[in-house]
Protein backbone atom coordinates (compact mmCIF):
# COMPACT_ATOMS: atom_id res chain seq x y z
CA MET A 1 90.92 278.95 84.90
CA GLY A 2 92.49 277.69 81.70
CA ILE A 3 92.13 277.48 77.99
CA VAL A 4 92.87 274.17 76.25
CA ALA A 5 93.13 273.67 72.50
CA SER A 6 93.73 270.16 71.24
CA ASP A 7 92.79 267.40 68.81
CA THR A 8 93.25 267.25 65.13
CA GLU A 9 90.92 268.77 62.61
CA ALA A 10 90.54 267.49 59.03
CA LEU A 11 89.90 269.75 56.11
CA THR A 12 87.86 268.29 53.29
CA GLY A 13 86.58 269.52 49.95
CA PHE A 14 89.83 269.09 48.09
CA SER A 15 90.97 266.56 45.49
CA ALA A 16 93.26 264.92 48.03
CA PRO A 17 92.22 264.87 51.67
CA TYR A 18 94.89 265.69 54.28
CA ALA A 19 95.12 266.26 57.97
CA LEU A 20 96.59 269.37 59.64
CA GLY A 21 97.46 269.32 63.26
CA PHE A 22 97.25 272.51 65.44
CA PRO A 23 99.31 273.02 68.54
CA THR A 24 97.92 272.26 71.92
CA ILE A 25 97.89 275.40 74.09
CA SER A 26 97.37 275.53 77.83
CA ILE A 27 97.07 279.01 79.33
CA PHE A 28 96.65 279.63 83.04
CA PHE A 29 96.10 283.10 84.47
CA SER A 30 98.61 282.58 87.16
CA GLU A 31 102.30 283.40 87.18
CA LYS A 32 103.10 280.83 84.42
CA ILE A 33 102.07 280.48 80.82
CA ARG A 34 102.61 277.16 79.08
CA MET A 35 102.33 276.47 75.37
CA SER A 36 103.10 273.29 73.42
CA PHE A 37 103.10 272.71 69.70
CA ALA A 38 102.73 269.39 67.84
CA PRO A 39 103.82 269.26 64.19
CA PRO A 40 101.14 268.12 61.75
CA MET A 41 101.04 264.45 60.86
CA ALA A 42 100.50 263.60 57.22
CA SER A 43 100.30 260.31 55.44
CA ALA A 44 103.48 259.39 53.65
CA CYS A 45 101.55 258.13 50.71
CA ARG A 46 99.64 261.33 50.19
CA ARG A 47 100.75 263.96 47.79
CA GLU A 48 102.01 267.29 49.24
CA SER A 49 99.10 269.72 49.47
CA PRO A 50 99.44 273.42 48.66
CA PHE A 51 98.05 274.12 52.14
CA THR A 52 101.22 272.89 53.76
CA SER A 53 102.09 276.65 54.05
CA TRP A 54 99.93 276.61 57.18
CA ARG A 55 103.00 275.22 58.87
CA THR A 56 104.43 278.76 58.82
CA VAL A 57 101.14 280.64 59.26
CA GLY A 58 100.21 278.72 62.38
CA PRO A 59 103.03 279.93 64.62
CA LEU A 60 102.43 283.51 63.43
CA LEU A 61 98.78 283.37 64.40
CA MET A 62 99.66 281.88 67.73
CA SER A 63 102.09 284.72 68.49
CA VAL A 64 99.35 287.28 67.81
CA VAL A 65 96.95 285.45 70.12
CA PHE A 66 99.66 285.22 72.76
CA HIS A 67 100.32 288.96 72.58
CA LEU A 68 96.62 289.79 72.91
CA LEU A 69 96.33 287.56 75.93
CA ILE A 70 99.40 289.09 77.55
CA THR A 71 98.05 292.66 77.21
CA HIS A 72 94.93 291.77 79.13
CA THR A 73 96.79 290.50 82.14
CA ASP A 74 97.17 292.38 85.44
CA ALA A 75 100.02 294.89 84.72
CA CYS A 76 100.73 298.69 84.58
CA ALA A 77 101.74 300.51 81.45
CA PRO A 78 105.02 302.45 81.44
CA PRO A 79 104.99 305.24 84.07
CA PRO A 80 104.03 308.82 83.07
CA ARG A 81 106.54 311.46 81.97
CA TYR A 82 107.06 314.78 83.78
CA GLU A 83 108.43 318.13 82.68
CA THR A 84 110.93 318.52 85.51
CA MET A 85 111.66 314.82 86.31
CA ARG A 86 112.85 311.68 84.54
CA LEU A 87 113.08 307.97 85.53
CA MET A 88 116.23 306.84 87.26
CA ASP A 89 116.07 303.27 85.80
CA PRO A 90 115.47 302.15 82.20
CA ILE A 91 111.80 302.04 81.25
CA LYS A 92 109.99 298.67 80.75
CA ASP A 93 106.96 297.70 78.68
CA SER A 94 104.89 296.68 81.69
CA TYR A 95 105.05 296.67 85.45
CA ALA A 96 103.39 294.22 87.84
CA PRO A 97 101.20 295.53 90.64
CA GLY A 98 103.33 296.57 93.58
CA GLU A 99 106.37 297.50 91.52
CA SER A 100 107.73 301.03 92.06
CA VAL A 101 109.79 303.49 90.04
CA LYS A 102 111.80 306.49 91.21
CA TYR A 103 112.26 309.84 89.45
CA GLN A 104 115.19 312.24 89.49
CA CYS A 105 115.37 315.93 88.47
CA ARG A 106 116.24 316.85 84.91
CA LEU A 107 119.27 318.99 84.11
CA GLY A 108 118.82 322.56 85.26
CA TYR A 109 116.33 321.57 87.98
CA MET A 110 116.66 320.79 91.68
CA VAL A 111 114.51 318.86 94.17
CA LYS A 112 111.67 320.58 95.98
CA PRO A 113 111.71 319.68 99.66
CA SER A 114 108.87 317.40 100.90
CA PHE A 115 107.76 316.39 97.40
CA ALA A 116 107.50 312.63 96.59
CA ARG A 117 109.46 311.27 93.63
CA THR A 118 108.48 307.55 93.82
CA ALA A 119 105.45 306.08 91.99
CA VAL A 120 103.90 302.60 92.63
CA CYS A 121 101.95 300.35 90.22
CA GLN A 122 98.55 299.91 91.89
CA ALA A 123 96.12 296.95 91.78
CA ASP A 124 93.93 298.79 89.27
CA ASN A 125 96.87 298.93 86.85
CA SER A 126 97.42 302.68 87.46
CA TRP A 127 100.32 304.60 88.94
CA THR A 128 100.16 306.64 92.11
CA PRO A 129 99.91 310.31 91.02
CA LEU A 130 102.88 312.61 91.53
CA SER A 131 103.33 316.39 91.40
CA GLU A 132 106.28 318.10 89.78
CA ALA A 133 108.88 317.59 92.50
CA CYS A 134 111.64 319.67 90.92
CA THR A 135 112.09 323.40 90.33
CA LYS A 136 114.46 325.42 88.19
CA LYS A 137 117.90 326.09 89.59
CA ARG A 138 118.96 329.71 90.10
CA CYS A 139 122.11 331.43 88.97
CA SER A 140 124.01 333.65 91.38
CA ASN A 141 123.12 337.32 91.75
CA LEU A 142 125.93 339.24 90.09
CA GLY A 143 124.90 342.62 91.50
CA ASP A 144 125.30 346.04 89.91
CA PRO A 145 128.65 346.84 88.33
CA GLY A 146 130.53 349.93 89.41
CA ASN A 147 129.10 353.05 87.70
CA GLY A 148 126.28 350.93 86.21
CA ARG A 149 123.32 348.70 86.98
CA VAL A 150 121.83 345.32 86.03
CA ILE A 151 118.34 344.86 84.55
CA PHE A 152 116.48 341.58 85.17
CA THR A 153 114.66 340.97 81.88
CA ASN A 154 112.62 338.04 83.28
CA GLU A 155 112.54 339.44 86.82
CA THR A 156 114.19 336.24 88.08
CA LEU A 157 117.54 334.45 88.25
CA GLU A 158 116.16 330.99 87.36
CA PHE A 159 117.57 328.73 84.69
CA GLY A 160 116.77 330.23 81.26
CA SER A 161 116.53 333.84 82.49
CA GLN A 162 118.33 336.85 80.99
CA ILE A 163 120.01 339.92 82.49
CA ASP A 164 121.24 343.11 80.78
CA PHE A 165 123.87 345.59 81.91
CA VAL A 166 123.83 349.38 81.39
CA CYS A 167 126.37 352.00 82.44
CA ASP A 168 125.80 355.42 83.98
CA GLU A 169 126.20 358.57 81.89
CA GLY A 170 129.80 359.25 81.05
CA HIS A 171 130.78 355.57 81.19
CA TYR A 172 130.95 352.81 78.59
CA LEU A 173 130.56 349.01 78.80
CA ILE A 174 133.47 346.60 78.49
CA GLY A 175 132.30 342.99 78.06
CA LYS A 176 129.00 341.32 77.19
CA LYS A 177 125.92 343.45 77.59
CA THR A 178 123.58 340.42 77.98
CA LEU A 179 124.10 337.19 79.96
CA TYR A 180 121.93 334.04 80.19
CA CYS A 181 121.49 331.54 83.02
CA GLU A 182 122.23 328.20 81.34
CA ILE A 183 123.25 324.59 82.03
CA ALA A 184 126.94 323.94 82.47
CA GLU A 185 128.62 320.82 83.86
CA GLY A 186 125.49 319.45 85.47
CA SER A 187 124.56 322.75 87.09
CA VAL A 188 123.62 326.26 85.98
CA ARG A 189 125.74 329.37 85.62
CA TRP A 190 125.86 332.60 83.65
CA SER A 191 126.94 332.48 80.03
CA GLY A 192 129.91 334.76 80.67
CA ASP A 193 131.69 337.03 83.10
CA PRO A 194 129.93 340.23 84.15
CA PRO A 195 131.04 343.37 82.26
CA ILE A 196 132.53 346.51 83.78
CA CYS A 197 131.75 350.21 83.23
CA GLU A 198 134.71 352.43 82.41
CA ARG A 199 134.74 356.22 82.48
CA VAL A 200 134.65 357.97 79.09
CA LEU A 201 137.95 359.59 78.12
CA CYS A 202 138.70 362.71 76.07
CA ALA A 203 141.85 363.57 74.17
CA PRO A 204 143.73 366.68 75.32
CA PRO A 205 141.96 369.89 74.23
CA PRO A 206 143.37 371.94 71.32
CA ASN A 207 146.13 374.44 71.87
CA ILE A 208 145.40 378.08 71.00
CA GLU A 209 147.65 380.82 69.66
CA ASN A 210 148.79 383.36 72.23
CA GLY A 211 147.08 381.39 75.00
CA GLN A 212 147.07 378.25 77.13
CA TYR A 213 144.78 376.01 79.19
CA SER A 214 144.96 374.49 82.66
CA ASN A 215 146.66 371.10 83.15
CA MET A 216 148.46 371.32 79.83
CA GLY A 217 150.82 368.52 80.83
CA LYS A 218 147.98 366.04 81.33
CA GLU A 219 147.70 363.40 78.59
CA VAL A 220 144.27 361.90 79.31
CA PHE A 221 141.09 363.67 80.44
CA ALA A 222 138.07 361.80 81.77
CA TYR A 223 134.35 362.51 81.63
CA SER A 224 133.34 365.76 83.41
CA ASP A 225 136.93 367.06 83.57
CA VAL A 226 137.12 370.84 83.00
CA VAL A 227 139.90 372.94 81.46
CA HIS A 228 140.19 376.74 81.60
CA TYR A 229 141.78 378.86 78.86
CA SER A 230 143.66 382.12 79.33
CA CYS A 231 145.59 384.49 77.08
CA ASN A 232 149.26 385.33 77.34
CA ARG A 233 150.27 388.80 78.43
CA GLN A 234 152.32 390.93 76.08
CA SER A 235 154.31 394.10 76.39
CA GLY A 236 152.53 397.31 75.59
CA SER A 237 149.11 398.65 76.33
CA ASP A 238 147.20 396.44 73.92
CA GLN A 239 146.58 393.10 75.60
CA TYR A 240 144.96 389.97 74.23
CA SER A 241 141.31 389.33 74.93
CA LEU A 242 139.84 385.83 75.24
CA VAL A 243 137.11 385.54 72.62
CA GLY A 244 134.80 382.51 73.07
CA GLN A 245 134.17 379.98 75.84
CA GLU A 246 136.67 380.27 78.66
CA SER A 247 135.91 376.75 80.04
CA LEU A 248 135.54 373.43 78.18
CA VAL A 249 134.10 370.20 79.64
CA CYS A 250 134.83 366.58 78.63
CA SER A 251 131.35 365.32 77.63
CA ALA A 252 129.77 361.85 77.67
CA ASN A 253 130.51 361.26 73.98
CA GLY A 254 134.25 361.72 74.46
CA GLU A 255 134.28 365.19 72.89
CA TRP A 256 134.87 368.63 74.39
CA SER A 257 131.78 370.73 75.02
CA SER A 258 132.67 373.48 72.51
CA GLU A 259 135.34 374.87 70.24
CA PRO A 260 138.34 376.44 71.99
CA PRO A 261 138.43 380.23 72.36
CA LYS A 262 140.79 382.66 70.60
CA CYS A 263 143.23 385.23 71.93
CA LYS A 264 143.13 388.47 69.92
CA VAL A 265 143.53 392.21 70.42
CA VAL A 266 140.10 393.88 70.35
CA LYS A 267 139.71 397.68 70.54
CA CYS A 268 136.56 399.77 70.20
CA ILE A 269 136.48 403.54 69.57
CA PHE A 270 135.67 405.98 72.37
CA PRO A 271 131.85 406.21 72.53
CA ASP A 272 131.32 410.00 72.54
CA VAL A 273 127.66 410.95 73.03
CA GLN A 274 126.72 414.66 73.12
CA ASN A 275 124.38 415.93 75.84
CA ALA A 276 124.90 412.76 77.89
CA ASP A 277 126.89 411.45 80.82
CA ARG A 278 128.55 408.05 81.18
CA ILE A 279 127.29 406.37 84.34
CA ALA A 280 129.08 403.02 83.77
CA GLY A 281 132.24 402.16 81.84
CA LEU A 282 134.23 405.25 82.76
CA GLY A 283 137.57 404.07 81.34
CA THR A 284 139.40 405.48 78.38
CA LYS A 285 140.20 402.18 76.61
CA PHE A 286 137.58 399.69 75.60
CA THR A 287 138.37 396.06 74.81
CA TYR A 288 136.35 392.91 74.17
CA GLN A 289 133.11 392.77 76.24
CA SER A 290 133.61 396.28 77.70
CA LYS A 291 130.26 397.88 78.53
CA VAL A 292 129.25 401.56 78.70
CA THR A 293 125.97 403.01 79.99
CA PHE A 294 124.73 406.56 79.19
CA ARG A 295 122.21 409.01 80.69
CA CYS A 296 120.98 412.02 78.73
CA HIS A 297 120.96 415.54 80.18
CA ALA A 298 117.73 417.22 81.24
CA GLY A 299 115.62 418.21 78.27
CA PHE A 300 117.09 415.45 76.11
CA VAL A 301 115.93 411.92 75.38
CA ILE A 302 118.00 408.95 74.24
CA ASN A 303 117.68 407.63 70.71
CA GLY A 304 118.90 403.99 70.86
CA SER A 305 120.07 401.78 73.71
CA ASN A 306 121.54 403.32 76.85
CA THR A 307 123.99 400.36 77.28
CA ILE A 308 126.40 399.20 74.55
CA THR A 309 129.02 396.39 74.41
CA CYS A 310 132.35 396.17 72.61
CA GLU A 311 132.28 393.02 70.45
CA GLU A 312 134.91 390.80 68.79
CA ASP A 313 135.04 392.78 65.56
CA GLY A 314 135.77 396.07 67.37
CA LEU A 315 132.24 397.46 66.97
CA TRP A 316 129.77 398.63 69.60
CA VAL A 317 126.59 396.55 69.81
CA PRO A 318 124.00 398.04 69.73
CA PRO A 319 125.32 401.11 67.91
CA ILE A 320 126.32 404.20 69.90
CA PRO A 321 123.11 406.10 70.83
CA GLN A 322 122.29 409.83 70.57
CA CYS A 323 120.67 412.25 72.98
CA VAL A 324 118.21 414.50 71.11
CA LYS A 325 116.32 417.52 72.41
CA ALA A 326 112.91 416.68 73.78
CA SER A 327 110.11 418.11 71.60
CA THR A 328 107.29 420.23 73.22
CA SER A 329 103.77 419.06 72.58
CA PRO A 330 101.36 421.71 71.04
CA THR A 331 98.59 422.94 73.40
CA THR A 332 95.01 422.03 72.67
CA LYS A 333 93.37 424.49 75.14
CA PRO A 334 91.02 427.18 73.66
CA PRO A 335 92.15 430.83 73.93
CA ILE A 336 91.26 432.56 77.21
CA LEU A 337 89.06 435.65 76.80
CA SER A 338 90.84 438.37 78.78
CA HIS A 339 88.60 441.29 77.66
CA SER A 340 84.99 441.94 76.78
CA VAL A 341 83.43 440.14 73.86
CA SER A 342 80.89 441.86 71.64
CA THR A 343 78.84 440.60 68.74
CA ALA A 344 77.34 442.41 65.83
CA PRO A 345 73.53 442.59 65.82
CA VAL A 346 71.77 440.10 63.57
CA SER A 347 68.64 441.36 61.91
CA THR A 348 67.33 437.87 61.13
CA LEU A 349 67.04 437.08 64.82
CA ALA A 350 64.96 440.16 65.45
CA ASN A 351 67.73 441.65 67.60
CA THR A 352 67.57 438.67 70.00
CA VAL A 353 71.35 438.30 70.06
CA SER A 354 72.77 441.08 72.23
CA PRO A 355 76.41 441.99 72.81
CA ILE A 356 78.20 440.16 75.64
CA SER A 357 79.92 442.65 77.93
CA ASN A 358 82.71 441.91 80.40
CA PRO A 359 81.83 438.25 81.36
CA SER A 360 84.99 437.72 83.38
CA ALA A 361 84.65 440.87 85.43
CA VAL A 362 88.17 441.89 84.48
CA PRO A 363 88.63 445.67 84.34
CA THR A 364 89.01 446.97 80.82
CA THR A 365 91.83 449.27 81.84
CA PRO A 366 94.71 447.95 83.91
CA SER A 367 95.34 451.34 85.57
CA SER A 368 94.80 449.80 88.96
CA ILE A 369 97.70 447.32 88.53
CA PRO A 370 100.80 448.55 90.37
CA GLY A 371 103.70 449.44 88.15
CA TYR A 372 101.56 449.72 85.05
CA SER A 373 101.66 452.98 83.10
CA PRO A 374 98.42 453.76 81.32
CA SER A 375 98.54 454.00 77.59
CA THR A 376 96.36 455.88 75.22
CA LYS A 377 96.24 452.91 72.84
CA GLN A 378 93.30 450.56 73.38
CA PRO A 379 94.13 446.84 73.35
CA PRO A 380 92.56 444.84 70.53
CA ILE A 381 89.38 442.98 71.25
CA SER A 382 90.31 439.33 70.90
CA GLY A 383 86.95 437.87 71.83
CA VAL A 384 84.79 439.15 68.92
CA LEU A 385 82.99 436.33 67.05
CA ASP A 386 83.86 435.93 63.42
CA GLY A 387 81.38 435.56 60.58
CA GLY A 388 81.54 431.75 60.45
CA SER A 389 80.57 431.40 64.11
CA ILE A 390 77.66 433.79 63.66
CA ALA A 391 76.39 431.77 60.67
CA VAL A 392 76.49 428.53 62.69
CA ILE A 393 74.53 430.13 65.53
CA VAL A 394 71.92 431.45 63.11
CA VAL A 395 71.43 428.07 61.44
CA ALA A 396 71.13 426.33 64.82
CA VAL A 397 68.49 428.79 66.03
CA LEU A 398 66.50 428.41 62.79
CA MET A 399 66.55 424.62 63.02
CA ALA A 400 65.42 424.76 66.64
CA GLY A 401 62.54 427.06 65.68
CA ILE A 402 61.43 424.77 62.86
CA VAL A 403 61.46 421.70 65.12
CA ALA A 404 59.49 423.57 67.80
CA SER A 405 56.91 424.77 65.25
CA VAL A 406 56.34 421.26 63.88
CA PHE A 407 55.96 419.80 67.36
CA LEU A 408 53.49 422.57 68.39
CA TYR A 409 51.46 422.08 65.22
CA LYS A 410 51.09 418.35 65.73
CA TYR A 411 50.28 418.80 69.40
CA VAL A 412 47.51 421.39 68.74
CA GLY A 413 46.02 419.27 65.93
CA HIS A 414 45.93 416.21 68.18
CA ARG A 415 44.18 418.18 70.90
CA ARG A 416 41.59 419.49 68.44
CA ARG A 417 40.83 416.03 67.09
CA GLY A 418 40.49 414.67 70.58
CA LEU A 419 38.14 417.47 71.61
CA LYS A 420 36.00 417.00 68.51
CA THR A 421 35.72 413.29 69.11
CA SER A 422 34.70 413.91 72.72
CA VAL A 423 31.97 416.35 71.69
CA LEU A 424 30.56 413.93 69.12
CA TRP A 425 30.54 411.13 71.67
CA GLU A 426 28.67 413.27 74.21
CA GLU A 427 26.10 414.27 71.57
CA ALA A 428 25.57 410.63 70.64
CA VAL A 429 25.05 409.68 74.27
CA LEU A 430 22.53 412.50 74.82
CA ALA A 431 20.67 411.57 71.66
CA GLN A 432 20.42 407.95 72.77
CA LYS A 433 19.08 408.96 76.14
CA SER A 434 16.46 411.22 74.58
CA GLY A 435 15.39 408.49 72.18
CA CYS A 436 16.34 410.29 69.05
CA ILE A 437 18.37 407.37 67.80
C-alpha cells in the first residue's frame, strides 16, 4: 500500500501565470518511509510572483502531514508510571510491538518477591499490565529505652513513619523525643540516635539548726531517695523536739517532698483535772506531741475532750477538760397516796360524789409496824382533792349530762315520728282495702 503525490499543478487567475511544483512523496507502511522533493520550476522570463513564499510553506506542511502519518503507525505510547517503581532506561516517544521495558524500585522502596517488573509493547499498541512490585522499606526496631518506652505513632516502622519516646516517672529524656524513618544514602534509617532516660536528681536537702539528716556527706540525691532528720541532744532535762516532717523524699520534679523540720524545745504545763484520773500519759514532763487521756470519777462527767495533745506552741489541743458533777433529773411521777383520800360533798351533784376511803388498804395507824412508837398526832391527809380538781370534775359531769340529754331527746323524737308514720300508713292501707279512698 502506498501514497504517491506527483505532477505539477498550475495556478491561474493572476496577472502573470506561474507554475509551482510540489514534492513527490512515496509512503509505504512497511519499515521504510521515503520522501523526495523537487524544487519548483519557473520560467526565467517571468516576473517573480508574490506566491513564491510557498517555497517555505510547502516543507512546513509536509512535516505536519508526515507527523500525522507517523502517529497512526503500529507503535506503543510511552509506558505507564507507577508510584513505587520507575523505568531503568531513558523513556522514548514510541515503542514498536515486541519491545520491552524494565522497572526498578524508587528510593525508599524494595522489591516484592514474585512480582513482575517488566512490561512488553503488545500488538494492540498497549503495554502488559503490571502491579506495584515494590513496598516501603522498614527502619530497624530501636526497642524501649531503659526506664522508658517507645510509642509507634503510625503503628509501623516503614519509610515515612514516626516514633516518640517517653520516660518513666522520676526520669527525664536526653536526646530527641521524636524520630522519623527517612531516606539516607540509598536506604532508610532513623533521623537520629535514640534518646536515653536519666533518673531525676535532687540537690542535698537543707540543713537545720540543732539537728541533722541521714547521709549528710552525700552530694547528689536521685529520685525516690529518702532522708531522715533528727535533733541533737543537749545537756539538761529540756531536750529538743523535732517539729515537722521527719522524712523527706526526692520527688519526680527534682524537689524535696516538703519543708525540712525544726528542732526546738517544747514544754506544756501539767494538765491537772479535778475529780479525774489519768489513764494514759502518766509522766511528769510533757513535750511536743505528748498525749494525755483522762477518766472522770463516778458521779462526774467530762466537759471537753478526754484526750489532749501538746503542740508546737506549748499549748494543749484541745484545751484541758473538766470533770463536773452529774446533775440529777427531776422526777415526773405523780405523788403516791399513802393514806385515805376524802372529798367534800358537792351539792350540785345531788350528793353523788362520796368520800373515797382507804383505797390502798394501808392501815391508818402504823401501830402494827415493829419498832414504831405510836404518836398522838395524826398524820396530815395528803390525798384530799383541792378546789380546782373538784371544779373540773363538776364541769365534766355537767357536759356529759348535757350530751346524754340531747342524744336521748333526738332518739325519742325519731322514734315518735317513725311510729306516727307507721300508724298513718296502716290507716291508709286499711282505708284502701275498705274502699274508702
